[in-house]
Amino acid sequence: MSLAYPLLIQEDIAHLQATEKAVRDKTPTDRVRLLRFLKEGRVAGVSQTAEVLGYSVRTAQRWWQCLI
C-alpha cells in the first residue's frame, strides 16, 4: 500500500523551502528536505528519501513518525 505523501504533508512546497533555508543545522534541514521531497513526489517513499539524503532507512522512518 502506497501512502499519498502530498496529501499527508500539510505544508506547501514554498513553506518547506523557506523553512529549509531558515534552518542552519544539517540534520533539521534534512528532516525538512525529507518532507519536501515527499511532497513534490521527487521520491517514491521514505526509504528512497533516506537513500537520496544519505541516511539509514530506520532514521528516515523515525523522522517521518515524529513529523506526522
Protein backbone atom coordinates (compact mmCIF):
# COMPACT_ATOMS: atom_id res chain seq x y z
CA MET A 1 0.00 0.00 0.00
CA SER A 2 1.40 3.35 -1.04
CA LEU A 3 0.85 6.44 1.08
CA ALA A 4 -0.34 9.67 -0.50
CA TYR A 5 2.50 11.74 0.95
CA PRO A 6 1.49 15.03 -0.73
CA LEU A 7 -1.90 14.78 0.95
CA LEU A 8 -0.47 13.82 4.35
CA ILE A 9 2.01 16.71 4.42
CA GLN A 10 0.04 19.86 5.27
CA GLU A 11 2.72 22.45 4.48
CA ASP A 12 3.05 23.68 0.92
CA ILE A 13 6.29 23.34 -1.01
CA ALA A 14 7.14 27.06 -0.77
CA HIS A 15 6.82 26.95 3.03
CA LEU A 16 9.05 23.87 3.22
CA GLN A 17 11.69 25.54 1.02
CA ALA A 18 11.64 28.67 3.19
CA THR A 19 12.00 26.56 6.34
CA GLU A 20 14.94 24.70 4.78
CA LYS A 21 16.72 27.99 4.14
CA ALA A 22 15.96 29.32 7.63
CA VAL A 23 17.34 26.28 9.47
CA ARG A 24 21.11 26.32 9.70
CA ASP A 25 21.94 22.87 11.09
CA LYS A 26 22.26 19.93 8.70
CA THR A 27 20.01 17.38 10.41
CA PRO A 28 16.97 19.64 10.86
CA THR A 29 17.40 20.84 7.28
CA ASP A 30 17.45 17.25 6.05
CA ARG A 31 14.27 16.49 8.01
CA VAL A 32 12.50 19.33 6.21
CA ARG A 33 14.05 18.21 2.93
CA LEU A 34 12.57 14.73 3.54
CA LEU A 35 9.11 16.31 3.73
CA ARG A 36 9.70 18.47 0.66
CA PHE A 37 10.94 15.55 -1.46
CA LEU A 38 7.89 13.50 -0.48
CA LYS A 39 5.52 16.42 -1.05
CA GLU A 40 6.99 17.13 -4.51
CA GLY A 41 6.81 13.46 -5.46
CA ARG A 42 10.54 13.52 -6.18
CA VAL A 43 10.90 10.19 -4.35
CA ALA A 44 8.56 7.23 -4.02
CA GLY A 45 8.74 6.89 -0.25
CA VAL A 46 10.66 7.31 2.97
CA SER A 47 13.14 4.54 2.11
CA GLN A 48 14.12 6.16 -1.16
CA THR A 49 14.38 9.55 0.55
CA ALA A 50 16.80 8.07 3.10
CA GLU A 51 18.99 6.80 0.28
CA VAL A 52 18.97 10.17 -1.52
CA LEU A 53 19.81 12.08 1.67
CA GLY A 54 22.44 9.58 2.82
CA TYR A 55 20.74 8.35 5.98
CA SER A 56 19.65 4.90 7.09
CA VAL A 57 16.11 3.86 6.29
CA ARG A 58 15.39 3.49 10.01
CA THR A 59 16.50 7.06 10.70
CA ALA A 60 14.23 8.40 7.95
CA GLN A 61 11.35 6.28 9.27
CA ARG A 62 11.83 7.74 12.75
CA TRP A 63 11.85 11.26 11.32
CA TRP A 64 8.65 10.55 9.41
CA GLN A 65 6.94 9.22 12.54
CA CYS A 66 7.96 12.34 14.51
CA LEU A 67 6.90 14.73 11.77
CA ILE A 68 3.43 13.44 11.04
